[in-house]
Amino acid sequence: MSDRERALCTIAEKLSATPTRVVETDWQPLRELGFDDSACLEVGHIVGIFNYLTRLADGFGLKLDAKTEEAARSGSALMRPD
């Protein structure tokens, strides 16, 4: 995992699990990689939308299709249809 990916995963995890504990210094690794305020806001939006959609799907009891479920279990990427 690259430094960029690690920094993104770290802030995404904290925003998802304990958003009220996120402080300015949590954003520092991204800022050191060149993320400005706008880019940090975009990260927050993406994390928030993902959390919203997964909670909505869980709340309505939506299930993954078999191919997607297997990919999630194995950690394999899904192939995009051509």
N, C-alpha and C. Protein backbone atom coordinates (compact mmCIF):
# COMPACT_ATOMS: atom_id res chain seq x y z
N MET A 1 0.85 -1.17 0.00
CA MET A 1 0.00 0.00 0.00
C MET A 1 0.90 1.23 0.00
N SER A 2 0.58 2.17 -0.85
CA SER A 2 1.37 3.41 -0.93
C SER A 2 1.07 4.31 0.27
N ASP A 3 1.91 5.32 0.48
CA ASP A 3 1.68 6.28 1.55
C ASP A 3 0.33 6.98 1.36
N ARG A 4 0.01 7.29 0.12
CA ARG A 4 -1.26 7.96 -0.20
C ARG A 4 -2.44 7.07 0.17
N GLU A 5 -2.38 5.81 -0.24
CA GLU A 5 -3.46 4.88 0.07
C GLU A 5 -3.59 4.66 1.58
N ARG A 6 -2.46 4.56 2.27
CA ARG A 6 -2.48 4.37 3.72
C ARG A 6 -3.12 5.57 4.41
N ALA A 7 -2.75 6.77 3.99
CA ALA A 7 -3.31 7.99 4.59
C ALA A 7 -4.82 8.08 4.34
N LEU A 8 -5.24 7.74 3.13
CA LEU A 8 -6.66 7.76 2.80
C LEU A 8 -7.43 6.73 3.62
N CYS A 9 -6.89 5.54 3.74
CA CYS A 9 -7.56 4.49 4.53
C CYS A 9 -7.65 4.86 6.00
N THR A 10 -6.60 5.48 6.51
CA THR A 10 -6.58 5.86 7.93
C THR A 10 -7.66 6.88 8.23
N ILE A 11 -7.76 7.93 7.42
CA ILE A 11 -8.78 8.95 7.69
C ILE A 11 -10.17 8.40 7.41
N ALA A 12 -10.32 7.57 6.40
CA ALA A 12 -11.63 6.98 6.10
C ALA A 12 -12.11 6.11 7.25
N GLU A 13 -11.20 5.34 7.82
CA GLU A 13 -11.58 4.49 8.95
C GLU A 13 -12.01 5.33 10.15
N LYS A 14 -11.25 6.38 10.45
CA LYS A 14 -11.60 7.21 11.60
C LYS A 14 -12.90 7.97 11.36
N LEU A 15 -13.09 8.50 10.15
CA LEU A 15 -14.34 9.20 9.84
C LEU A 15 -15.54 8.27 9.93
N SER A 16 -15.34 7.01 9.60
CA SER A 16 -16.43 6.03 9.64
C SER A 16 -16.72 5.54 11.05
N ALA A 17 -15.67 5.23 11.80
CA ALA A 17 -15.84 4.61 13.11
C ALA A 17 -16.07 5.61 14.24
N THR A 18 -15.32 6.71 14.22
CA THR A 18 -15.39 7.68 15.33
C THR A 18 -15.30 9.11 14.79
N PRO A 19 -16.29 9.54 14.03
CA PRO A 19 -16.21 10.86 13.38
C PRO A 19 -16.10 12.02 14.36
N THR A 20 -16.65 11.89 15.54
CA THR A 20 -16.57 13.00 16.51
C THR A 20 -15.19 13.14 17.11
N ARG A 21 -14.31 12.18 16.85
CA ARG A 21 -12.94 12.24 17.38
C ARG A 21 -11.92 12.69 16.34
N VAL A 22 -12.38 13.00 15.14
CA VAL A 22 -11.46 13.48 14.10
C VAL A 22 -11.04 14.91 14.44
N VAL A 23 -9.73 15.13 14.44
CA VAL A 23 -9.17 16.45 14.74
C VAL A 23 -8.27 16.87 13.58
N GLU A 24 -7.88 18.12 13.57
CA GLU A 24 -7.08 18.67 12.47
C GLU A 24 -5.83 17.84 12.18
N THR A 25 -5.18 17.35 13.23
CA THR A 25 -3.94 16.58 13.01
C THR A 25 -4.19 15.26 12.28
N ASP A 26 -5.42 14.75 12.31
CA ASP A 26 -5.73 13.53 11.57
C ASP A 26 -5.61 13.73 10.05
N TRP A 27 -5.76 14.97 9.62
CA TRP A 27 -5.68 15.29 8.20
C TRP A 27 -4.24 15.56 7.75
N GLN A 28 -3.33 15.70 8.69
CA GLN A 28 -1.96 16.08 8.37
C GLN A 28 -1.27 15.14 7.38
N PRO A 29 -1.41 13.81 7.51
CA PRO A 29 -0.75 12.94 6.52
C PRO A 29 -1.21 13.22 5.08
N LEU A 30 -2.48 13.54 4.90
CA LEU A 30 -2.95 13.89 3.56
C LEU A 30 -2.41 15.24 3.12
N ARG A 31 -2.38 16.18 4.03
CA ARG A 31 -1.86 17.51 3.69
C ARG A 31 -0.39 17.43 3.29
N GLU A 32 0.36 16.56 3.96
CA GLU A 32 1.77 16.38 3.61
C GLU A 32 1.94 15.75 2.23
N LEU A 33 0.90 15.10 1.75
CA LEU A 33 0.91 14.50 0.41
C LEU A 33 0.33 15.45 -0.64
N GLY A 34 0.02 16.68 -0.25
CA GLY A 34 -0.44 17.68 -1.20
C GLY A 34 -1.95 17.89 -1.25
N PHE A 35 -2.70 17.28 -0.34
CA PHE A 35 -4.15 17.48 -0.31
C PHE A 35 -4.44 18.84 0.30
N ASP A 36 -5.18 19.68 -0.43
CA ASP A 36 -5.58 20.98 0.11
C ASP A 36 -6.96 20.84 0.76
N ASP A 37 -7.53 21.96 1.21
CA ASP A 37 -8.84 21.92 1.86
C ASP A 37 -9.90 21.28 0.99
N SER A 38 -9.90 21.63 -0.29
CA SER A 38 -10.89 21.10 -1.21
C SER A 38 -10.76 19.58 -1.36
N ALA A 39 -9.54 19.10 -1.47
CA ALA A 39 -9.31 17.66 -1.61
C ALA A 39 -9.71 16.92 -0.34
N CYS A 40 -9.41 17.50 0.82
CA CYS A 40 -9.82 16.87 2.08
C CYS A 40 -11.33 16.83 2.20
N LEU A 41 -12.00 17.89 1.78
CA LEU A 41 -13.46 17.91 1.80
C LEU A 41 -14.01 16.83 0.88
N GLU A 42 -13.41 16.66 -0.27
CA GLU A 42 -13.85 15.62 -1.20
C GLU A 42 -13.69 14.23 -0.57
N VAL A 43 -12.60 13.99 0.12
CA VAL A 43 -12.40 12.72 0.82
C VAL A 43 -13.54 12.52 1.83
N GLY A 44 -13.84 13.56 2.60
CA GLY A 44 -14.94 13.47 3.56
C GLY A 44 -16.27 13.16 2.90
N HIS A 45 -16.53 13.78 1.77
CA HIS A 45 -17.77 13.51 1.05
C HIS A 45 -17.84 12.07 0.56
N ILE A 46 -16.77 11.58 0.01
CA ILE A 46 -16.75 10.20 -0.50
C ILE A 46 -16.97 9.20 0.64
N VAL A 47 -16.29 9.41 1.75
CA VAL A 47 -16.46 8.52 2.90
C VAL A 47 -17.90 8.60 3.41
N GLY A 48 -18.43 9.80 3.52
CA GLY A 48 -19.80 9.97 3.99
C GLY A 48 -20.82 9.33 3.08
N ILE A 49 -20.67 9.50 1.78
CA ILE A 49 -21.61 8.91 0.83
C ILE A 49 -21.54 7.39 0.89
N PHE A 50 -20.33 6.84 0.96
CA PHE A 50 -20.19 5.39 1.05
C PHE A 50 -20.88 4.86 2.31
N ASN A 51 -20.66 5.54 3.45
CA ASN A 51 -21.30 5.13 4.69
C ASN A 51 -22.82 5.24 4.60
N TYR A 52 -23.30 6.30 4.01
CA TYR A 52 -24.75 6.48 3.83
C TYR A 52 -25.34 5.35 3.00
N LEU A 53 -24.71 5.07 1.86
CA LEU A 53 -25.27 4.05 0.97
C LEU A 53 -25.23 2.65 1.59
N THR A 54 -24.15 2.31 2.29
CA THR A 54 -24.09 0.98 2.90
C THR A 54 -25.10 0.86 4.04
N ARG A 55 -25.30 1.92 4.80
CA ARG A 55 -26.31 1.88 5.87
C ARG A 55 -27.72 1.78 5.30
N LEU A 56 -27.96 2.49 4.23
CA LEU A 56 -29.26 2.42 3.58
C LEU A 56 -29.52 1.01 3.05
N ALA A 57 -28.53 0.44 2.39
CA ALA A 57 -28.67 -0.93 1.87
C ALA A 57 -28.88 -1.92 3.01
N ASP A 58 -28.13 -1.78 4.09
CA ASP A 58 -28.31 -2.66 5.25
C ASP A 58 -29.70 -2.49 5.85
N GLY A 59 -30.15 -1.25 5.95
CA GLY A 59 -31.46 -0.96 6.53
C GLY A 59 -32.61 -1.55 5.74
N PHE A 60 -32.44 -1.65 4.43
CA PHE A 60 -33.47 -2.23 3.59
C PHE A 60 -33.23 -3.71 3.32
N GLY A 61 -32.18 -4.27 3.92
CA GLY A 61 -31.91 -5.69 3.78
C GLY A 61 -31.44 -6.10 2.39
N LEU A 62 -30.84 -5.16 1.66
CA LEU A 62 -30.36 -5.50 0.33
C LEU A 62 -29.17 -6.45 0.43
N LYS A 63 -29.11 -7.41 -0.46
CA LYS A 63 -28.03 -8.39 -0.46
C LYS A 63 -27.22 -8.26 -1.75
N LEU A 64 -25.93 -8.59 -1.65
CA LEU A 64 -25.06 -8.59 -2.82
C LEU A 64 -25.37 -9.80 -3.69
N ASP A 65 -25.16 -9.66 -4.99
CA ASP A 65 -25.30 -10.82 -5.86
C ASP A 65 -24.12 -11.76 -5.58
N ALA A 66 -24.21 -13.00 -6.02
CA ALA A 66 -23.22 -14.02 -5.68
C ALA A 66 -21.80 -13.63 -6.12
N LYS A 67 -21.66 -13.07 -7.31
CA LYS A 67 -20.34 -12.70 -7.83
C LYS A 67 -19.70 -11.60 -6.97
N THR A 68 -20.48 -10.62 -6.59
CA THR A 68 -19.97 -9.53 -5.77
C THR A 68 -19.67 -10.01 -4.36
N GLU A 69 -20.51 -10.89 -3.83
CA GLU A 69 -20.29 -11.46 -2.50
C GLU A 69 -18.97 -12.23 -2.46
N GLU A 70 -18.70 -13.02 -3.50
CA GLU A 70 -17.45 -13.78 -3.57
C GLU A 70 -16.25 -12.84 -3.67
N ALA A 71 -16.37 -11.79 -4.46
CA ALA A 71 -15.28 -10.82 -4.58
C ALA A 71 -15.01 -10.15 -3.23
N ALA A 72 -16.07 -9.81 -2.51
CA ALA A 72 -15.91 -9.18 -1.20
C ALA A 72 -15.22 -10.13 -0.22
N ARG A 73 -15.62 -11.39 -0.26
CA ARG A 73 -15.03 -12.38 0.63
C ARG A 73 -13.56 -12.64 0.34
N SER A 74 -13.23 -12.69 -0.94
CA SER A 74 -11.87 -13.03 -1.35
C SER A 74 -10.94 -11.83 -1.43
N GLY A 75 -11.50 -10.63 -1.52
CA GLY A 75 -10.69 -9.45 -1.68
C GLY A 75 -10.28 -9.20 -3.12
N SER A 76 -10.88 -9.97 -4.04
CA SER A 76 -10.58 -9.81 -5.47
C SER A 76 -11.38 -8.65 -6.05
N ALA A 77 -10.78 -8.00 -7.02
CA ALA A 77 -11.48 -6.91 -7.70
C ALA A 77 -12.49 -7.48 -8.68
N LEU A 78 -13.59 -6.82 -8.84
CA LEU A 78 -14.59 -7.21 -9.84
C LEU A 78 -14.15 -6.71 -11.21
N MET A 79 -14.39 -7.48 -12.22
CA MET A 79 -14.11 -7.05 -13.59
C MET A 79 -15.27 -6.19 -14.07
N ARG A 80 -14.95 -5.09 -14.72
CA ARG A 80 -15.99 -4.25 -15.30
C ARG A 80 -16.42 -4.83 -16.63
N PRO A 81 -17.71 -4.82 -16.89
CA PRO A 81 -18.15 -5.30 -18.20
C PRO A 81 -17.68 -4.36 -19.30
N ASP A 82 -17.37 -4.90 -20.44
CA ASP A 82 -16.91 -4.07 -21.56
C ASP A 82 -18.05 -3.35 -22.22
